[in-house]
Amino acid sequence: EIGNRWFGIENDRLLSLMGLVGSLCNGLSRVFWGFLKDIIGSYKKTMLILMSMLTTFMFTWIFLKYINNYNILVAFSFIWIGMQFLMITGQYGIYPSFYANEWGNSDGMIAYGYAQFAGLVSGFIVTAYYLFLRDKLGWIAMNIGVCIINVVMIILICIQPTSNNEANESNMSIVDDNDIEDDQNLR
């Protein structure tokens, strides 16, 4: 036993298996959400589904500590970890097509790179939030704060103007038509 804990679960093998489930869901999420976005054909609708599910599951985290049955706690913890990784990392399967749609294939990837770089800044903010407010507010208040931030993101997604390109978004290709013509001219 290394002594890790997750809401009273002190079995390192179970915690390692939770990490494995999280990693599997992390890997599958990009494919799943990218595929779902292609089916729905709209960044906005797909992101609303994802953020609504994420906020709901984050809110349920508050109630894990009230589960008194160890086996039920373990089962819900596995589900909770898997769903969190499925949704949090799912954003990375949706974002690239949004940026390509809004700014074109080449400029969209540059904008996507800048957005990923912004994660560095938000990482510092989240760490500061955690370090300075954890003891003052407690886990429940911090989790509610994150849920409130997610609700604000949902509102921002709803009021975001729809791009003229969104109707054609499902027909988008990674390869630009000009690239195909240039490639044919080289032959």
Protein backbone atom coordinates (compact mmCIF):
# COMPACT_ATOMS: atom_id res chain seq x y z
CA GLU A 1 0.00 0.00 0.00
CA ILE A 2 1.36 3.38 -1.03
CA GLY A 3 -1.31 5.13 0.99
CA ASN A 4 -3.22 7.00 -1.69
CA ARG A 5 -6.84 7.82 -0.97
CA TRP A 6 -9.90 8.59 -3.04
CA PHE A 7 -12.96 9.22 -0.88
CA GLY A 8 -12.00 6.41 1.48
CA ILE A 9 -10.69 3.99 -1.16
CA GLU A 10 -7.21 3.08 0.03
CA ASN A 11 -6.59 0.04 -2.16
CA ASP A 12 -3.72 0.97 -4.49
CA ARG A 13 -4.71 -1.67 -7.05
CA LEU A 14 -8.21 -0.22 -7.33
CA LEU A 15 -6.79 3.29 -7.62
CA SER A 16 -4.41 2.08 -10.35
CA LEU A 17 -7.33 0.49 -12.18
CA MET A 18 -9.19 3.80 -11.92
CA GLY A 19 -6.19 5.45 -13.54
CA LEU A 20 -6.29 2.82 -16.30
CA VAL A 21 -10.00 3.45 -16.88
CA GLY A 22 -9.30 7.19 -16.97
CA SER A 23 -6.51 6.68 -19.51
CA LEU A 24 -8.66 4.48 -21.75
CA CYS A 25 -11.49 7.01 -21.67
CA ASN A 26 -8.97 9.78 -22.33
CA GLY A 27 -7.79 8.04 -25.49
CA LEU A 28 -11.27 7.12 -26.70
CA SER A 29 -12.82 10.51 -25.99
CA ARG A 30 -11.14 12.40 -28.83
CA VAL A 31 -12.32 9.85 -31.37
CA PHE A 32 -15.80 9.61 -29.85
CA TRP A 33 -16.44 13.37 -29.64
CA GLY A 34 -14.86 14.06 -33.02
CA PHE A 35 -17.09 11.39 -34.55
CA LEU A 36 -20.16 12.75 -32.74
CA LYS A 37 -19.33 16.27 -33.94
CA ASP A 38 -19.11 14.96 -37.51
CA ILE A 39 -22.53 13.31 -37.14
CA ILE A 40 -24.18 16.35 -35.56
CA GLY A 41 -22.36 18.70 -37.93
CA SER A 42 -22.19 21.60 -35.49
CA TYR A 43 -19.46 22.60 -33.09
CA LYS A 44 -21.94 24.57 -31.01
CA LYS A 45 -24.44 21.74 -30.50
CA THR A 46 -21.74 19.17 -29.79
CA MET A 47 -19.99 21.47 -27.33
CA LEU A 48 -23.29 22.19 -25.55
CA ILE A 49 -23.87 18.46 -25.10
CA LEU A 50 -20.34 17.93 -23.84
CA MET A 51 -20.33 20.90 -21.43
CA SER A 52 -23.79 20.05 -20.07
CA MET A 53 -22.73 16.48 -19.36
CA LEU A 54 -19.43 17.62 -17.86
CA THR A 55 -21.14 20.10 -15.53
CA THR A 56 -23.67 17.49 -14.43
CA PHE A 57 -21.00 14.93 -13.62
CA MET A 58 -18.81 17.49 -11.87
CA PHE A 59 -21.75 18.42 -9.69
CA THR A 60 -22.28 14.76 -8.74
CA TRP A 61 -18.75 14.62 -7.34
CA ILE A 62 -20.05 16.43 -4.29
CA PHE A 63 -22.20 13.43 -3.40
CA LEU A 64 -19.49 10.74 -3.63
CA LYS A 65 -18.37 11.38 -0.07
CA TYR A 66 -21.88 10.59 1.22
CA ILE A 67 -21.86 7.02 -0.12
CA ASN A 68 -21.43 4.70 2.86
CA ASN A 69 -21.29 1.36 1.03
CA TYR A 70 -17.69 0.65 -0.04
CA ASN A 71 -18.58 -1.40 -3.15
CA ILE A 72 -21.05 1.21 -4.40
CA LEU A 73 -18.43 3.91 -3.75
CA VAL A 74 -15.88 1.99 -5.82
CA ALA A 75 -18.36 1.42 -8.67
CA PHE A 76 -19.45 5.07 -8.76
CA SER A 77 -15.83 6.22 -8.56
CA PHE A 78 -14.92 4.13 -11.61
CA ILE A 79 -17.91 5.54 -13.51
CA TRP A 80 -17.13 9.08 -12.36
CA ILE A 81 -13.44 8.94 -13.33
CA GLY A 82 -14.23 7.37 -16.71
CA MET A 83 -16.92 9.91 -17.55
CA GLN A 84 -14.79 12.86 -16.45
CA PHE A 85 -11.91 11.80 -18.69
CA LEU A 86 -14.33 11.04 -21.53
CA MET A 87 -15.73 14.57 -21.34
CA ILE A 88 -12.80 16.76 -20.29
CA THR A 89 -10.48 15.49 -23.00
CA GLY A 90 -13.32 15.26 -25.53
CA GLN A 91 -12.95 18.97 -26.10
CA TYR A 92 -9.69 18.24 -27.90
CA GLY A 93 -11.58 16.18 -30.45
CA ILE A 94 -13.98 19.05 -31.17
CA TYR A 95 -11.74 22.13 -31.15
CA PRO A 96 -9.59 21.50 -34.27
CA SER A 97 -12.54 21.45 -36.67
CA PHE A 98 -13.97 24.58 -35.04
CA TYR A 99 -10.72 26.49 -35.54
CA ALA A 100 -10.33 25.22 -39.09
CA ASN A 101 -13.92 26.22 -39.84
CA GLU A 102 -13.58 29.72 -38.38
CA TRP A 103 -10.11 30.63 -39.68
CA GLY A 104 -9.38 28.18 -42.49
CA ASN A 105 -7.18 25.11 -42.41
CA SER A 106 -3.80 26.82 -42.07
CA ASP A 107 -4.74 29.83 -39.91
CA GLY A 108 -7.11 27.68 -37.87
CA MET A 109 -4.30 25.46 -36.73
CA ILE A 110 -2.25 28.48 -35.71
CA ALA A 111 -5.24 29.79 -33.72
CA TYR A 112 -5.65 26.31 -32.20
CA GLY A 113 -2.00 26.39 -31.17
CA TYR A 114 -2.53 29.73 -29.43
CA ALA A 115 -5.59 28.33 -27.68
CA GLN A 116 -3.56 25.35 -26.48
CA PHE A 117 -0.87 27.73 -25.24
CA ALA A 118 -3.57 29.54 -23.24
CA GLY A 119 -3.85 26.30 -21.26
CA LEU A 120 -0.52 27.18 -19.70
CA VAL A 121 -2.00 30.37 -18.27
CA SER A 122 -5.20 28.67 -17.13
CA GLY A 123 -3.08 25.94 -15.51
CA PHE A 124 -1.46 28.53 -13.28
CA ILE A 125 -4.85 30.05 -12.44
CA VAL A 126 -6.35 26.67 -11.54
CA THR A 127 -3.32 25.76 -9.43
CA ALA A 128 -3.52 29.07 -7.59
CA TYR A 129 -7.27 28.58 -7.12
CA TYR A 130 -6.64 25.14 -5.66
CA LEU A 131 -3.70 26.09 -3.43
CA PHE A 132 -5.13 29.27 -1.95
CA LEU A 133 -8.82 28.45 -1.69
CA ARG A 134 -8.89 24.73 -0.89
CA ASP A 135 -8.45 25.18 2.84
CA LYS A 136 -10.64 28.29 3.01
CA LEU A 137 -13.56 27.06 0.93
CA GLY A 138 -13.31 23.29 1.08
CA TRP A 139 -13.80 20.76 -1.71
CA ILE A 140 -17.54 21.20 -2.07
CA ALA A 141 -17.39 24.97 -2.53
CA MET A 142 -14.49 24.64 -4.97
CA ASN A 143 -16.36 22.05 -7.02
CA ILE A 144 -19.46 24.25 -7.09
CA GLY A 145 -17.21 27.10 -8.27
CA VAL A 146 -15.96 24.96 -11.16
CA CYS A 147 -19.57 24.03 -12.02
CA ILE A 148 -20.47 27.74 -12.08
CA ILE A 149 -17.56 28.39 -14.45
CA ASN A 150 -18.86 25.58 -16.69
CA VAL A 151 -22.36 27.10 -16.68
CA VAL A 152 -20.84 30.43 -17.75
CA MET A 153 -19.06 28.58 -20.58
CA ILE A 154 -22.36 27.00 -21.64
CA ILE A 155 -23.98 30.45 -21.74
CA LEU A 156 -21.07 31.81 -23.79
CA ILE A 157 -21.41 28.93 -26.25
CA CYS A 158 -25.16 29.65 -26.56
CA ILE A 159 -24.68 33.34 -27.29
CA GLN A 160 -21.75 32.81 -29.66
CA PRO A 161 -22.83 33.89 -33.13
CA THR A 162 -23.07 31.03 -35.58
CA SER A 163 -20.51 31.21 -38.32
CA ASN A 164 -21.59 31.38 -41.95
CA ASN A 165 -19.36 28.37 -42.46
CA GLU A 166 -21.13 26.22 -39.87
CA ALA A 167 -23.71 25.04 -42.39
CA ASN A 168 -20.88 23.71 -44.53
CA GLU A 169 -18.89 22.45 -41.55
CA SER A 170 -19.87 18.80 -41.94
CA ASN A 171 -18.53 18.87 -45.52
CA MET A 172 -15.17 20.23 -44.39
CA SER A 173 -12.03 18.38 -45.33
CA ILE A 174 -8.62 18.48 -43.72
CA VAL A 175 -7.12 18.86 -47.19
CA ASP A 176 -7.78 22.17 -48.94
CA ASP A 177 -9.03 21.99 -52.56
CA ASN A 178 -6.12 24.20 -53.63
CA ASP A 179 -3.70 21.65 -52.16
CA ILE A 180 -5.26 18.94 -54.31
CA GLU A 181 -4.97 21.10 -57.45
CA ASP A 182 -1.33 21.96 -56.62
CA ASP A 183 -0.57 18.29 -56.06
CA GLN A 184 -2.15 17.34 -59.42
CA ASN A 185 -0.18 20.09 -61.19
CA LEU A 186 3.07 18.65 -59.81
CA ARG A 187 2.34 15.29 -61.41
